[in-house]
Each structure stands twice: as structure tokens, then as C-alpha cells.
Protein backbone atom coordinates (compact mmCIF):
# COMPACT_ATOMS: atom_id res chain seq x y z
CA MET A 1 0.00 0.00 0.00
CA ALA A 2 2.87 2.35 0.76
CA GLU A 3 4.25 1.95 -2.76
CA ILE A 4 0.86 2.64 -4.32
CA SER A 5 0.27 5.80 -2.31
CA GLN A 6 3.79 6.99 -3.11
CA ALA A 7 3.22 6.43 -6.85
CA ASP A 8 -0.09 8.27 -6.65
CA GLU A 9 1.70 11.30 -5.20
CA ILE A 10 3.84 11.76 -8.31
CA PRO A 11 2.59 15.01 -9.86
CA PRO A 12 1.40 14.86 -13.48
CA ASN A 13 4.16 15.91 -15.84
CA MET A 14 5.03 15.55 -19.51
CA THR A 15 7.37 12.57 -19.07
CA LEU A 16 6.00 9.03 -18.79
CA TYR A 17 8.02 6.21 -17.27
CA ILE A 18 7.24 2.81 -18.82
CA ASN A 19 8.43 -0.55 -17.57
CA ASN A 20 7.66 -4.25 -18.04
CA LEU A 21 8.82 -3.90 -21.65
CA ASN A 22 10.07 -6.87 -23.62
CA GLU A 23 13.84 -6.94 -23.05
CA LYS A 24 14.49 -8.99 -26.20
CA ILE A 25 13.51 -6.12 -28.52
CA LYS A 26 16.40 -4.10 -29.94
CA ILE A 27 16.64 -0.54 -28.61
CA ASP A 28 16.18 1.19 -31.99
CA GLN A 29 13.12 -0.89 -32.82
CA LEU A 30 11.71 -0.38 -29.32
CA LYS A 31 12.04 3.41 -29.56
CA LYS A 32 10.47 3.58 -33.04
CA SER A 33 7.57 1.36 -31.96
CA LEU A 34 6.93 3.40 -28.80
CA HIS A 35 6.98 6.61 -30.84
CA ALA A 36 4.52 5.14 -33.37
CA VAL A 37 2.07 3.99 -30.70
CA PHE A 38 2.24 7.04 -28.41
CA SER A 39 2.36 9.84 -31.00
CA GLN A 40 -1.40 9.57 -31.52
CA PHE A 41 -1.83 11.39 -28.19
CA GLY A 42 0.27 14.45 -29.02
CA LYS A 43 3.66 15.67 -30.11
CA ILE A 44 6.55 13.66 -28.69
CA LEU A 45 9.80 15.46 -27.95
CA ASP A 46 11.83 12.32 -27.39
CA VAL A 47 11.72 8.62 -26.58
CA LEU A 48 14.56 7.36 -24.38
CA ALA A 49 15.65 3.78 -23.78
CA PHE A 50 19.08 2.43 -22.89
CA LYS A 51 21.09 -0.73 -23.44
CA THR A 52 22.50 -0.86 -19.91
CA LEU A 53 21.41 -3.80 -17.77
CA LYS A 54 20.07 -1.44 -15.11
CA HIS A 55 17.61 0.15 -17.56
CA LYS A 56 16.49 -2.91 -19.53
CA GLY A 57 12.75 -3.23 -19.99
CA GLN A 58 12.27 0.48 -19.32
CA ALA A 59 11.71 3.61 -21.39
CA TRP A 60 10.74 7.26 -21.07
CA VAL A 61 8.33 9.01 -23.45
CA ILE A 62 8.56 12.80 -23.27
CA PHE A 63 5.55 14.74 -24.57
CA GLU A 64 5.39 18.43 -25.36
CA ASP A 65 2.61 19.00 -22.82
CA VAL A 66 1.18 17.40 -19.69
CA SER A 67 -2.32 16.84 -21.11
CA SER A 68 -0.97 14.61 -23.89
CA ALA A 69 1.05 12.59 -21.37
CA THR A 70 -1.99 12.22 -19.10
CA ASN A 71 -4.21 11.03 -21.94
CA ALA A 72 -1.56 8.54 -23.07
CA LEU A 73 -1.12 7.18 -19.54
CA ARG A 74 -4.86 6.55 -19.14
CA ARG A 75 -5.38 5.02 -22.58
CA MET A 76 -2.23 2.89 -22.81
CA GLN A 77 -2.04 1.50 -19.28
CA GLY A 78 -1.78 -2.30 -19.61
CA PHE A 79 -1.59 -2.12 -23.43
CA PRO A 80 -0.06 -5.36 -24.83
CA PHE A 81 3.26 -4.30 -26.34
CA TYR A 82 5.45 -7.04 -27.81
CA ASP A 83 3.51 -9.65 -25.79
CA LYS A 84 3.92 -7.84 -22.45
CA GLU A 85 1.49 -5.42 -20.79
CA MET A 86 3.00 -1.98 -20.32
CA ARG A 87 3.10 -0.47 -16.84
CA ILE A 88 3.02 3.32 -17.06
CA GLN A 89 3.34 6.14 -14.56
CA TYR A 90 4.54 9.72 -14.51
CA ALA A 91 8.31 9.93 -14.22
CA LYS A 92 9.34 10.40 -10.57
CA THR A 93 12.41 12.40 -11.50
CA LYS A 94 11.73 14.00 -14.84
CA SER A 95 15.36 14.60 -15.69
CA ASP A 96 17.92 13.31 -13.16
CA ILE A 97 17.53 9.58 -13.73
CA ILE A 98 17.76 10.01 -17.50
CA ALA A 99 20.66 12.46 -17.30
CA LYS A 100 22.59 10.00 -15.16
CA ALA A 101 21.93 7.23 -17.67
CA ASP A 102 23.05 8.94 -20.87
CA GLY A 103 24.69 12.20 -19.75
CA THR A 104 22.84 14.27 -22.34
CA PHE A 105 19.32 14.91 -21.05
CA VAL A 106 18.56 18.58 -20.36
CA PRO A 107 16.87 19.18 -16.96
CA ARG A 108 13.40 20.60 -17.19
CA GLU A 109 14.38 23.94 -15.61
CA LYS A 110 17.03 24.55 -18.26
CA ARG A 111 14.66 23.43 -21.00
CA LYS A 112 12.10 26.03 -19.83
CA LYS A 113 14.71 28.80 -20.03
CA HIS A 114 15.74 27.58 -23.45
CA GLU A 115 12.12 27.65 -24.61
CA GLU A 116 11.67 31.20 -23.36
CA LYS A 117 14.76 32.37 -25.25
CA GLY A 118 14.33 30.46 -28.47
CA GLY A 119 11.07 28.54 -28.26
CA LYS A 120 10.07 29.29 -31.81
CA LYS A 121 13.36 28.03 -33.23
CA ARG A 122 13.15 24.89 -31.09
CA LYS A 123 9.67 24.05 -32.35
CA GLU A 124 10.78 24.38 -35.95
CA GLN A 125 13.68 22.03 -35.34
CA LEU A 126 11.57 19.45 -33.56
CA ASP A 127 8.76 19.07 -36.05
CA PRO A 128 8.20 21.74 -38.70
CA ASN A 129 5.48 19.70 -40.37
CA GLN A 130 3.28 19.67 -37.27
CA ALA A 131 3.48 23.37 -36.43
CA SER A 132 -0.17 23.88 -37.37
CA ALA A 133 -1.41 20.32 -37.07
CA GLY A 134 -3.17 20.75 -33.71
CA LEU A 135 -2.81 18.60 -30.59
CA ASN A 136 -3.53 15.18 -32.03
CA PRO A 137 -2.36 14.27 -35.53
CA ALA A 138 -4.53 11.16 -35.39
CA TYR A 139 -7.59 13.36 -35.89
CA ALA A 140 -6.26 14.97 -39.08
CA GLY A 141 -8.41 13.62 -41.86
CA ALA A 142 -10.70 11.73 -39.50
CA TYR A 143 -13.86 10.06 -40.79
CA GLY A 144 -12.13 8.93 -43.93
CA ALA A 145 -11.49 12.38 -45.36
CA THR A 146 -8.94 12.39 -48.18
CA PRO A 147 -5.85 14.58 -47.64
CA PRO A 148 -5.19 17.41 -50.11
CA LEU A 149 -3.57 16.38 -53.39
CA SER A 150 -0.28 17.98 -52.32
CA GLN A 151 -0.05 15.53 -49.42
CA LEU A 152 -0.62 12.38 -51.45
CA PRO A 153 2.39 10.09 -51.83
CA TYR A 154 4.27 9.94 -55.10
CA LEU A 155 5.27 6.94 -57.17
CA GLY A 156 7.92 8.20 -59.56
CA ALA A 157 6.60 11.41 -61.08
CA ARG A 158 2.91 10.42 -60.81
CA PRO A 159 0.84 11.01 -57.68
CA ILE A 160 -1.12 8.00 -56.45
CA VAL A 161 -4.69 9.20 -56.89
CA PRO A 162 -7.34 6.48 -56.67
CA GLU A 163 -9.50 6.57 -59.80
CA ALA A 164 -12.46 5.03 -58.06
CA PRO A 165 -12.52 4.21 -54.36
CA ALA A 166 -13.07 0.60 -53.46
CA PRO A 167 -16.35 -0.19 -51.69
CA PRO A 168 -16.17 -0.58 -47.90
CA ASN A 169 -14.80 -3.95 -46.83
CA ASN A 170 -12.79 -5.55 -44.04
CA ILE A 171 -9.32 -4.93 -45.57
CA LEU A 172 -7.55 -1.56 -45.48
CA PHE A 173 -4.89 -0.38 -47.91
CA VAL A 174 -2.32 1.82 -46.12
CA GLN A 175 0.03 4.07 -48.13
CA ASN A 176 2.84 6.55 -47.48
CA LEU A 177 4.46 4.58 -44.66
CA PRO A 178 8.13 5.11 -43.79
CA HIS A 179 10.24 2.53 -45.62
CA ASP A 180 11.53 1.21 -42.31
CA ALA A 181 8.06 0.64 -40.85
CA THR A 182 7.80 -2.95 -39.63
CA THR A 183 4.87 -5.34 -39.52
CA MET A 184 5.11 -5.48 -35.72
CA MET A 185 4.99 -1.68 -35.48
CA LEU A 186 1.82 -1.57 -37.60
CA GLN A 187 0.24 -4.44 -35.67
CA MET A 188 0.62 -2.55 -32.40
CA LEU A 189 -0.80 0.60 -33.96
CA PHE A 190 -3.87 -1.03 -35.52
CA ASN A 191 -4.38 -3.53 -32.68
CA GLN A 192 -5.78 -0.67 -30.57
CA TYR A 193 -9.02 -1.21 -32.48
CA PRO A 194 -10.98 -4.47 -32.07
CA GLY A 195 -11.03 -7.24 -34.64
CA LEU A 196 -7.53 -7.06 -36.12
CA LYS A 197 -6.71 -10.29 -38.00
CA ASP A 198 -3.58 -9.63 -40.02
CA VAL A 199 -1.08 -7.00 -41.18
CA ARG A 200 0.85 -7.59 -44.42
CA THR A 201 3.66 -5.48 -45.78
CA VAL A 202 5.04 -5.86 -49.31
CA GLU A 203 8.82 -6.34 -49.44
CA THR A 204 9.07 -5.33 -53.08
CA LYS A 205 7.01 -2.18 -52.49
CA PRO A 206 8.07 -0.51 -49.22
CA GLY A 207 5.73 2.16 -47.92
CA ILE A 208 2.47 0.24 -48.28
CA ALA A 209 0.62 -2.38 -46.23
CA PHE A 210 -2.66 -4.27 -46.05
CA VAL A 211 -4.50 -4.42 -42.72
CA GLU A 212 -7.26 -7.00 -42.34
CA TYR A 213 -10.07 -6.91 -39.76
CA GLU A 214 -12.81 -9.42 -39.03
CA ASN A 215 -15.52 -7.27 -40.58
CA GLU A 216 -16.18 -4.03 -42.43
CA MET A 217 -17.43 -2.13 -39.37
CA GLN A 218 -14.20 -2.78 -37.46
CA SER A 219 -11.98 -1.77 -40.39
CA THR A 220 -14.00 1.45 -40.79
CA VAL A 221 -13.49 2.39 -37.14
CA ALA A 222 -9.73 1.89 -37.47
CA MET A 223 -9.56 3.86 -40.72
CA GLN A 224 -11.47 6.82 -39.27
CA ALA A 225 -9.28 6.90 -36.16
CA LEU A 226 -5.90 6.57 -37.90
CA GLN A 227 -6.49 8.45 -41.15
CA GLY A 228 -3.69 10.99 -41.48
CA PHE A 229 -1.79 9.58 -38.49
CA LYS A 230 1.91 10.40 -38.71
CA ILE A 231 4.64 7.81 -38.31
CA GLN A 232 7.88 9.80 -38.13
CA GLN A 233 7.19 12.47 -40.79
CA ASN A 234 4.96 10.34 -43.03
CA GLN A 235 1.22 10.93 -42.94
CA MET A 236 -0.67 7.70 -43.55
CA LEU A 237 -3.25 7.54 -46.31
CA ILE A 238 -5.81 4.79 -45.66
CA THR A 239 -8.44 3.50 -48.07
CA TYR A 240 -10.40 0.29 -48.46
CA ALA A 241 -8.44 -2.34 -50.37
CA LYS A 242 -9.62 -3.39 -53.80
CA LYS A 243 -10.56 -7.05 -53.94
């Protein structure tokens, strides 16, 4: 009981501490997967994980604001991530523990001063493409809205513009993914929505994937929620797959 009450006393802040992570996953893959899953809740400043034995199975996700971190904590608590349920809480020491681990983390007090002096420049460096995207990029293009033509992915010199949309069905066609997006990363992203059956990437055509649900209603819910969702700097374009 003492541990629970002590954890409850941690004040809400923009850094989440996550443990019970699968220790067999490589650090780079772990960080990319955490970023992909958590970025639906708001802009992420950094994801930190370390190879040292002391910090195995742990990570820190640093959001730009407290409200995004709070929403992520509530929604992702116990989320199955690489076959293990994540345990999430606000970071007890928002900077010291990380600074000691890698020697590069900037304490929050210094970061505030830096933001006051050059906040605008910092925002441009972090994510220039999301400067006007609002709090949650997952809502951009919600309800199946098609992004503007300028945002559609290109294949050679020709933009991929669907001539006639496929009728609603249980399989989604996902375009404009980063070339290093993995099947596991996409499974964790789409598995937030009930009924996921399969995720298939195409080795010969990086940047696209097929996501299959049990029925049309479930695929529609996932498409509406994740339409326009950004993985790294790529904004996903989701349509129904042609059969």
C-alpha cells in the first residue's frame, strides 16, 4: 500500500516512465515502436531507452505537454506491447535519472529557459510539419477524409490518386508509410481497435501495407481513427483495399 500511495503522489508531468517492456527487442526498434504507438496522443519530444542492464525493460516518453502525457497514460495502461502489458506512470524524476543514464538529457528547468529564449526556433527544429497540425495528428483527416492532393504520396513522377474508391470492406490499404516501418509496429498501432486479424507489408514495395479486420465495421473504425496519423514524418493515407 505504501508503494501505491507513493506512486499516486507523483505530480502529473510531460514525461512518462514505462516498464515491463520486452527486453528482447532491440533498442532502436523499441524506440520507433513506442513513438509510433504514443504519437497519436500528441507531439513527442523524445523517446529514451538504454542498453545498460540497469535500464532494460524500461523507457521514457517525453511529450510536449502534460495533457498529452496524461491522456496517453490513461489510454495505454496495460496495453499489450510485444507480448507484455505496459506499466506506465509519470516519471518520478523528470530529468535526473535520464541524465545520469546517458549524460545528455537537459533538466526541465534549463529546458524552460531555453524555450523562453528560443522557443520558436526549437519548435521548428523538432517538427516543422506539425506546427499547425493541432494537438492530435490522429484526428487529421478523420472520418475517412482524403488529404489534399499535395499531401498524397508519389510513385515516380505520378501522384497515387485512386481513380475510383473501393467499396467498404474488411481490408484496409495503407500508403505513405516510412520505408523502415515494420509489420510489428503496424500491428501494435492497428491492434488498438478491435477485430484485427492480419497486417501484411510488401517487401518489393516498401511504404504500403494491407490491414485486415474481421468485418467491415471494425476496419472502418480503425480507418477513421488513424487516417492521417503520422509515423515519423509520413502521414498515412488509408483506403479500403480493392478485392
